[in-house]
Amino acid sequence: MDFVSLFAGFAINLLIAFTIVRFIYYPANPSKNYVFTYLAINSVIYFVVSFLASAELSLGVGLGLFAIFSVLRYRTSTMSTREMTYLFIVIALPVINSVLMRDQAWTVLLAVNATMAGVLFVLEREWGFHFESSQRIRYDRIDLITPERCDELLADLRQRTGLPIKGVVIGRLNFLNDTAELRVFYDEPRNHRPRRYNDTGLTDEAEPTADD
C-alpha cells in the first residue's frame, strides 16, 4: 500500500468513525471518555492492520488480537453492553477498511461504511420499536398502597418522577419507617436513557426515588 492510499483510507475510516461517534452515539451518550476511546482505538487499529498487511504477516493473528481486546473490560469503570457494542464496531471497521483499501475496492468500502452508519442510525433512533421501561423506587406514602387508592398512587408517582407511569408492582413493605419498595412501568420516551455520571464518566442507569 503506497503513501497516498494509506492516508486516503485513513481519512475515509476516520470520517466514518467520527460520523458514527459524533452524530449517532454522542447525542444519546454524551460521555467524553468513550468518545476519546472510540476514535483513538479506531485510528490506531487501522494503521496496525495496514502495516500487518503490507508486511505480509498473518492477518489472522492481528484479527485474533483485536477480538481478544474487544471483549476486555476497562478496570477503571464497567462498560455497558451498549458501549461494548460500539467499541466492537469501531474496532471492526478499520480492519475491514484496511483490507478493502489494500484491494482498492473503493465501491465496496463506501457501501459497507454507509450501510453500517445507516443501520446504527436507525437503531439509535429506535424506528419501528416501542419499548417499555421499569424503575425500582422507594416510596414513602404508604397510605396509598391499597387497591382502592391505585389511581391516587399512580397520579402521585407521575407527579414526583415526571414519568408517564402506567403500572406499578408493590414489593416489600416496611411499616417501621412507612416506606414501600415499588417497581413502576412506563413507556420509555424516544431516545431517553436516564443515566448518572461520576468523576470517571458515564455509569449505569440511574434509579429515581420518590422519597421527600
C-alpha atoms as a PDB file:
ATOM      1  CA  MET A   1       0.000   0.000   0.000  1.00  0.00           C
ATOM      2  CA  ASP A   2       1.517   3.331  -1.041  1.00  0.00           C
ATOM      3  CA  PHE A   3       1.568   6.525   0.996  1.00  0.00           C
ATOM      4  CA  VAL A   4      -1.416   8.133  -0.744  1.00  0.00           C
ATOM      5  CA  SER A   5      -3.625   5.058  -0.462  1.00  0.00           C
ATOM      6  CA  LEU A   6      -2.665   4.561   3.163  1.00  0.00           C
ATOM      7  CA  PHE A   7      -3.732   8.020   4.269  1.00  0.00           C
ATOM      8  CA  ALA A   8      -6.696   8.198   1.901  1.00  0.00           C
ATOM      9  CA  GLY A   9      -8.016   5.069   3.548  1.00  0.00           C
ATOM     10  CA  PHE A  10      -7.266   6.526   6.957  1.00  0.00           C
ATOM     11  CA  ALA A  11      -9.220   9.678   6.108  1.00  0.00           C
ATOM     12  CA  ILE A  12     -12.244   7.639   4.998  1.00  0.00           C
ATOM     13  CA  ASN A  13     -12.005   5.379   8.025  1.00  0.00           C
ATOM     14  CA  LEU A  14     -11.720   8.302  10.436  1.00  0.00           C
ATOM     15  CA  LEU A  15     -14.585  10.119   8.734  1.00  0.00           C
ATOM     16  CA  ILE A  16     -16.984   7.211   9.099  1.00  0.00           C
ATOM     17  CA  ALA A  17     -15.842   6.613  12.707  1.00  0.00           C
ATOM     18  CA  PHE A  18     -16.322  10.299  13.513  1.00  0.00           C
ATOM     19  CA  THR A  19     -19.764  10.257  11.888  1.00  0.00           C
ATOM     20  CA  ILE A  20     -20.858   7.252  13.943  1.00  0.00           C
ATOM     21  CA  VAL A  21     -19.444   8.550  17.220  1.00  0.00           C
ATOM     22  CA  ARG A  22     -20.355  12.231  16.867  1.00  0.00           C
ATOM     23  CA  PHE A  23     -23.744  12.117  15.153  1.00  0.00           C
ATOM     24  CA  ILE A  24     -25.153   8.715  16.204  1.00  0.00           C
ATOM     25  CA  TYR A  25     -23.582   7.700  19.523  1.00  0.00           C
ATOM     26  CA  TYR A  26     -22.767  11.033  21.178  1.00  0.00           C
ATOM     27  CA  PRO A  27     -26.225  12.711  21.070  1.00  0.00           C
ATOM     28  CA  ALA A  28     -27.645   9.922  23.250  1.00  0.00           C
ATOM     29  CA  ASN A  29     -24.481   9.263  25.281  1.00  0.00           C
ATOM     30  CA  PRO A  30     -22.541  12.479  25.958  1.00  0.00           C
ATOM     31  CA  SER A  31     -19.501  10.928  27.648  1.00  0.00           C
ATOM     32  CA  LYS A  32     -16.167  12.366  26.541  1.00  0.00           C
ATOM     33  CA  ASN A  33     -14.274   9.357  27.891  1.00  0.00           C
ATOM     34  CA  TYR A  34     -15.814   6.962  25.407  1.00  0.00           C
ATOM     35  CA  VAL A  35     -15.622   9.438  22.507  1.00  0.00           C
ATOM     36  CA  PHE A  36     -11.860   9.663  23.012  1.00  0.00           C
ATOM     37  CA  THR A  37     -11.524   5.895  23.357  1.00  0.00           C
ATOM     38  CA  TYR A  38     -13.545   5.047  20.257  1.00  0.00           C
ATOM     39  CA  LEU A  39     -11.782   7.460  17.905  1.00  0.00           C
ATOM     40  CA  ALA A  40      -8.297   6.724  19.246  1.00  0.00           C
ATOM     41  CA  ILE A  41      -8.692   2.938  19.056  1.00  0.00           C
ATOM     42  CA  ASN A  42     -10.241   3.163  15.600  1.00  0.00           C
ATOM     43  CA  SER A  43      -7.319   5.183  14.250  1.00  0.00           C
ATOM     44  CA  VAL A  44      -4.604   3.035  15.808  1.00  0.00           C
ATOM     45  CA  ILE A  45      -6.121  -0.250  14.657  1.00  0.00           C
ATOM     46  CA  TYR A  46      -6.383   0.994  11.063  1.00  0.00           C
ATOM     47  CA  PHE A  47      -2.644   1.678  10.893  1.00  0.00           C
ATOM     48  CA  VAL A  48      -1.718  -1.538  12.711  1.00  0.00           C
ATOM     49  CA  VAL A  49      -3.757  -3.719  10.360  1.00  0.00           C
ATOM     50  CA  SER A  50      -2.480  -1.809   7.333  1.00  0.00           C
ATOM     51  CA  PHE A  51       1.122  -2.416   8.368  1.00  0.00           C
ATOM     52  CA  LEU A  52       0.422  -6.066   9.124  1.00  0.00           C
ATOM     53  CA  ALA A  53      -0.999  -6.488   5.639  1.00  0.00           C
ATOM     54  CA  SER A  54       1.839  -4.567   3.945  1.00  0.00           C
ATOM     55  CA  ALA A  55       4.428  -6.649   5.795  1.00  0.00           C
ATOM     56  CA  GLU A  56       2.657  -9.834   4.605  1.00  0.00           C
ATOM     57  CA  LEU A  57       2.169 -11.025   8.150  1.00  0.00           C
ATOM     58  CA  SER A  58      -0.731 -13.171   9.156  1.00  0.00           C
ATOM     59  CA  LEU A  59      -3.842 -11.019   9.212  1.00  0.00           C
ATOM     60  CA  GLY A  60      -5.499 -13.732  11.263  1.00  0.00           C
ATOM     61  CA  VAL A  61      -3.073 -13.037  14.109  1.00  0.00           C
ATOM     62  CA  GLY A  62      -3.992  -9.382  14.074  1.00  0.00           C
ATOM     63  CA  LEU A  63      -7.717 -10.139  13.960  1.00  0.00           C
ATOM     64  CA  GLY A  64      -7.300 -12.539  16.857  1.00  0.00           C
ATOM     65  CA  LEU A  65      -5.558  -9.906  18.959  1.00  0.00           C
ATOM     66  CA  PHE A  66      -8.264  -7.344  18.269  1.00  0.00           C
ATOM     67  CA  ALA A  67     -11.002  -9.876  19.011  1.00  0.00           C
ATOM     68  CA  ILE A  68      -9.429 -10.618  22.386  1.00  0.00           C
ATOM     69  CA  PHE A  69      -9.044  -6.933  23.126  1.00  0.00           C
ATOM     70  CA  SER A  70     -12.629  -6.179  22.134  1.00  0.00           C
ATOM     71  CA  VAL A  71     -14.038  -8.324  24.953  1.00  0.00           C
ATOM     72  CA  LEU A  72     -11.779  -6.918  27.670  1.00  0.00           C
ATOM     73  CA  ARG A  73     -13.230  -4.612  30.281  1.00  0.00           C
ATOM     74  CA  TYR A  74     -11.580  -1.438  31.462  1.00  0.00           C
ATOM     75  CA  ARG A  75     -10.501  -1.644  35.086  1.00  0.00           C
ATOM     76  CA  THR A  76     -11.460   1.944  35.909  1.00  0.00           C
ATOM     77  CA  SER A  77     -15.160   1.518  35.122  1.00  0.00           C
ATOM     78  CA  THR A  78     -17.547  -1.115  33.802  1.00  0.00           C
ATOM     79  CA  MET A  79     -18.769  -0.625  30.243  1.00  0.00           C
ATOM     80  CA  SER A  80     -22.361  -1.447  29.486  1.00  0.00           C
ATOM     81  CA  THR A  81     -23.309  -3.873  26.728  1.00  0.00           C
ATOM     82  CA  ARG A  82     -24.223  -0.946  24.517  1.00  0.00           C
ATOM     83  CA  GLU A  83     -20.847   0.766  24.903  1.00  0.00           C
ATOM     84  CA  MET A  84     -19.079  -2.555  24.320  1.00  0.00           C
ATOM     85  CA  THR A  85     -21.070  -2.954  21.087  1.00  0.00           C
ATOM     86  CA  TYR A  86     -19.895   0.435  19.859  1.00  0.00           C
ATOM     87  CA  LEU A  87     -16.343  -0.494  20.857  1.00  0.00           C
ATOM     88  CA  PHE A  88     -16.534  -3.667  18.780  1.00  0.00           C
ATOM     89  CA  ILE A  89     -17.846  -1.668  15.806  1.00  0.00           C
ATOM     90  CA  VAL A  90     -15.050   0.892  15.901  1.00  0.00           C
ATOM     91  CA  ILE A  91     -12.569  -1.983  16.178  1.00  0.00           C
ATOM     92  CA  ALA A  92     -14.065  -3.944  13.284  1.00  0.00           C
ATOM     93  CA  LEU A  93     -14.423  -1.014  10.870  1.00  0.00           C
ATOM     94  CA  PRO A  94     -10.693  -0.198  10.498  1.00  0.00           C
ATOM     95  CA  VAL A  95      -9.941  -3.890   9.970  1.00  0.00           C
ATOM     96  CA  ILE A  96     -12.496  -4.043   7.144  1.00  0.00           C
ATOM     97  CA  ASN A  97     -11.412  -0.704   5.700  1.00  0.00           C
ATOM     98  CA  SER A  98      -7.711  -1.544   5.670  1.00  0.00           C
ATOM     99  CA  VAL A  99      -8.351  -4.833   3.841  1.00  0.00           C
ATOM    100  CA  LEU A 100     -10.629  -3.181   1.276  1.00  0.00           C
ATOM    101  CA  MET A 101      -8.129  -0.347   0.792  1.00  0.00           C
ATOM    102  CA  ARG A 102      -5.386  -2.854   0.060  1.00  0.00           C
ATOM    103  CA  ASP A 103      -7.569  -4.414  -2.633  1.00  0.00           C
ATOM    104  CA  GLN A 104      -8.574  -0.956  -3.957  1.00  0.00           C
ATOM    105  CA  ALA A 105     -12.235  -1.917  -3.543  1.00  0.00           C
ATOM    106  CA  TRP A 106     -13.476   1.643  -3.221  1.00  0.00           C
ATOM    107  CA  THR A 107     -17.106   0.915  -4.099  1.00  0.00           C
ATOM    108  CA  VAL A 108     -17.395  -1.917  -1.578  1.00  0.00           C
ATOM    109  CA  LEU A 109     -15.604   0.159   1.061  1.00  0.00           C
ATOM    110  CA  LEU A 110     -18.016   3.065   0.717  1.00  0.00           C
ATOM    111  CA  ALA A 111     -21.038   0.748   0.578  1.00  0.00           C
ATOM    112  CA  VAL A 112     -20.011  -1.149   3.729  1.00  0.00           C
ATOM    113  CA  ASN A 113     -19.339   2.016   5.717  1.00  0.00           C
ATOM    114  CA  ALA A 114     -22.564   3.681   4.573  1.00  0.00           C
ATOM    115  CA  THR A 115     -24.550   0.558   5.444  1.00  0.00           C
ATOM    116  CA  MET A 116     -23.050   0.339   8.935  1.00  0.00           C
ATOM    117  CA  ALA A 117     -23.724   4.016   9.609  1.00  0.00           C
ATOM    118  CA  GLY A 118     -27.280   3.666   8.324  1.00  0.00           C
ATOM    119  CA  VAL A 119     -28.016   0.606  10.468  1.00  0.00           C
ATOM    120  CA  LEU A 120     -26.682   2.316  13.598  1.00  0.00           C
ATOM    121  CA  PHE A 121     -28.633   5.483  12.839  1.00  0.00           C
ATOM    122  CA  VAL A 122     -31.915   3.554  12.502  1.00  0.00           C
ATOM    123  CA  LEU A 123     -31.253   1.523  15.659  1.00  0.00           C
ATOM    124  CA  GLU A 124     -30.285   4.610  17.664  1.00  0.00           C
ATOM    125  CA  ARG A 125     -33.474   6.409  16.623  1.00  0.00           C
ATOM    126  CA  GLU A 126     -35.473   3.288  17.567  1.00  0.00           C
ATOM    127  CA  TRP A 127     -37.558   3.452  14.396  1.00  0.00           C
ATOM    128  CA  GLY A 128     -40.190   0.725  14.350  1.00  0.00           C
ATOM    129  CA  PHE A 129     -39.658  -0.179  18.007  1.00  0.00           C
ATOM    130  CA  HIS A 130     -41.661   0.585  21.115  1.00  0.00           C
ATOM    131  CA  PHE A 131     -40.020  -0.005  24.480  1.00  0.00           C
ATOM    132  CA  GLU A 132     -41.428  -0.256  27.969  1.00  0.00           C
ATOM    133  CA  SER A 133     -39.084   0.571  30.826  1.00  0.00           C
ATOM    134  CA  SER A 134     -39.246  -0.029  34.540  1.00  0.00           C
ATOM    135  CA  GLN A 135     -37.607   1.557  37.533  1.00  0.00           C
ATOM    136  CA  ARG A 136     -37.341   0.464  41.143  1.00  0.00           C
ATOM    137  CA  ILE A 137     -38.134   3.200  43.658  1.00  0.00           C
ATOM    138  CA  ARG A 138     -38.540   3.598  47.397  1.00  0.00           C
ATOM    139  CA  TYR A 139     -41.874   5.218  48.227  1.00  0.00           C
ATOM    140  CA  ASP A 140     -42.839   6.989  51.445  1.00  0.00           C
ATOM    141  CA  ARG A 141     -46.618   7.417  51.093  1.00  0.00           C
ATOM    142  CA  ILE A 142     -47.603   4.018  52.356  1.00  0.00           C
ATOM    143  CA  ASP A 143     -51.185   5.161  52.900  1.00  0.00           C
ATOM    144  CA  LEU A 144     -51.688   4.972  49.117  1.00  0.00           C
ATOM    145  CA  ILE A 145     -50.606   1.305  48.909  1.00  0.00           C
ATOM    146  CA  THR A 146     -54.142  -0.042  48.744  1.00  0.00           C
ATOM    147  CA  PRO A 147     -56.174  -1.297  45.742  1.00  0.00           C
ATOM    148  CA  GLU A 148     -58.909   1.294  46.146  1.00  0.00           C
ATOM    149  CA  ARG A 149     -56.379   4.163  46.019  1.00  0.00           C
ATOM    150  CA  CYS A 150     -54.500   2.893  42.976  1.00  0.00           C
ATOM    151  CA  ASP A 151     -55.391   5.938  40.855  1.00  0.00           C
ATOM    152  CA  GLU A 152     -54.098   8.292  43.537  1.00  0.00           C
ATOM    153  CA  LEU A 153     -50.894   6.275  43.812  1.00  0.00           C
ATOM    154  CA  LEU A 154     -50.239   6.448  40.062  1.00  0.00           C
ATOM    155  CA  ALA A 155     -51.001  10.173  39.966  1.00  0.00           C
ATOM    156  CA  ASP A 156     -48.613  10.873  42.843  1.00  0.00           C
ATOM    157  CA  LEU A 157     -45.845   8.779  41.241  1.00  0.00           C
ATOM    158  CA  ARG A 158     -46.278  10.547  37.906  1.00  0.00           C
ATOM    159  CA  GLN A 159     -46.058  13.944  39.605  1.00  0.00           C
ATOM    160  CA  ARG A 160     -42.948  13.057  41.627  1.00  0.00           C
ATOM    161  CA  THR A 161     -40.973  11.204  38.980  1.00  0.00           C
ATOM    162  CA  GLY A 162     -42.136  13.053  35.870  1.00  0.00           C
ATOM    163  CA  LEU A 163     -42.526   9.697  34.115  1.00  0.00           C
ATOM    164  CA  PRO A 164     -45.640   8.533  32.206  1.00  0.00           C
ATOM    165  CA  ILE A 165     -46.221   5.670  34.634  1.00  0.00           C
ATOM    166  CA  LYS A 166     -48.955   3.262  33.616  1.00  0.00           C
ATOM    167  CA  GLY A 167     -48.448   0.407  36.074  1.00  0.00           C
ATOM    168  CA  VAL A 168     -46.873  -0.419  39.415  1.00  0.00           C
ATOM    169  CA  VAL A 169     -45.931  -3.574  41.298  1.00  0.00           C
ATOM    170  CA  ILE A 170     -45.739  -3.357  45.092  1.00  0.00           C
ATOM    171  CA  GLY A 171     -42.792  -5.150  46.649  1.00  0.00           C
ATOM    172  CA  ARG A 172     -41.504  -5.143  50.188  1.00  0.00           C
ATOM    173  CA  LEU A 173     -43.342  -3.059  52.801  1.00  0.00           C
ATOM    174  CA  ASN A 174     -41.630  -1.543  55.806  1.00  0.00           C
ATOM    175  CA  PHE A 175     -44.143  -0.386  58.409  1.00  0.00           C
ATOM    176  CA  LEU A 176     -41.409   0.687  60.829  1.00  0.00           C
ATOM    177  CA  ASN A 177     -40.419   3.676  58.702  1.00  0.00           C
ATOM    178  CA  ASP A 178     -43.545   3.801  56.493  1.00  0.00           C
ATOM    179  CA  THR A 179     -41.860   3.014  53.164  1.00  0.00           C
ATOM    180  CA  ALA A 180     -42.501   0.571  50.344  1.00  0.00           C
ATOM    181  CA  GLU A 181     -40.387  -0.740  47.504  1.00  0.00           C
ATOM    182  CA  LEU A 182     -42.169  -0.330  44.178  1.00  0.00           C
ATOM    183  CA  ARG A 183     -41.392  -1.148  40.576  1.00  0.00           C
ATOM    184  CA  VAL A 184     -43.052   1.256  38.164  1.00  0.00           C
ATOM    185  CA  PHE A 185     -43.641   0.637  34.467  1.00  0.00           C
ATOM    186  CA  TYR A 186     -43.845   3.317  31.786  1.00  0.00           C
ATOM    187  CA  ASP A 187     -43.459   3.845  28.058  1.00  0.00           C
ATOM    188  CA  GLU A 188     -39.880   4.939  27.511  1.00  0.00           C
ATOM    189  CA  PRO A 189     -39.653   8.312  25.748  1.00  0.00           C
ATOM    190  CA  ARG A 190     -37.856   8.079  22.424  1.00  0.00           C
ATOM    191  CA  ASN A 191     -34.071   8.261  22.825  1.00  0.00           C
ATOM    192  CA  HIS A 192     -34.489   8.771  26.557  1.00  0.00           C
ATOM    193  CA  ARG A 193     -31.940   6.879  28.652  1.00  0.00           C
ATOM    194  CA  PRO A 194     -31.713   8.116  32.239  1.00  0.00           C
ATOM    195  CA  ARG A 195     -28.041   7.942  33.234  1.00  0.00           C
ATOM    196  CA  ARG A 196     -25.867   9.193  36.036  1.00  0.00           C
ATOM    197  CA  TYR A 197     -22.296  10.445  35.949  1.00  0.00           C
ATOM    198  CA  ASN A 198     -19.368  10.434  38.299  1.00  0.00           C
ATOM    199  CA  ASP A 199     -15.756  11.571  38.019  1.00  0.00           C
ATOM    200  CA  THR A 200     -14.930   8.615  35.766  1.00  0.00           C
ATOM    201  CA  GLY A 201     -17.688   9.363  33.251  1.00  0.00           C
ATOM    202  CA  LEU A 202     -20.889   7.576  32.325  1.00  0.00           C
ATOM    203  CA  THR A 203     -22.071   4.841  34.671  1.00  0.00           C
ATOM    204  CA  ASP A 204     -25.136   2.636  34.894  1.00  0.00           C
ATOM    205  CA  GLU A 205     -28.747   3.723  34.634  1.00  0.00           C
ATOM    206  CA  ALA A 206     -29.963   5.831  37.496  1.00  0.00           C
ATOM    207  CA  GLU A 207     -32.945   4.809  39.535  1.00  0.00           C
ATOM    208  CA  PRO A 208     -35.230   7.628  40.689  1.00  0.00           C
ATOM    209  CA  THR A 209     -36.585   7.723  44.205  1.00  0.00           C
ATOM    210  CA  ALA A 210     -39.914   9.062  45.349  1.00  0.00           C
ATOM    211  CA  ASP A 211     -38.670   9.972  48.823  1.00  0.00           C
ATOM    212  CA  ASP A 212     -39.228  13.530  50.053  1.00  0.00           C
END
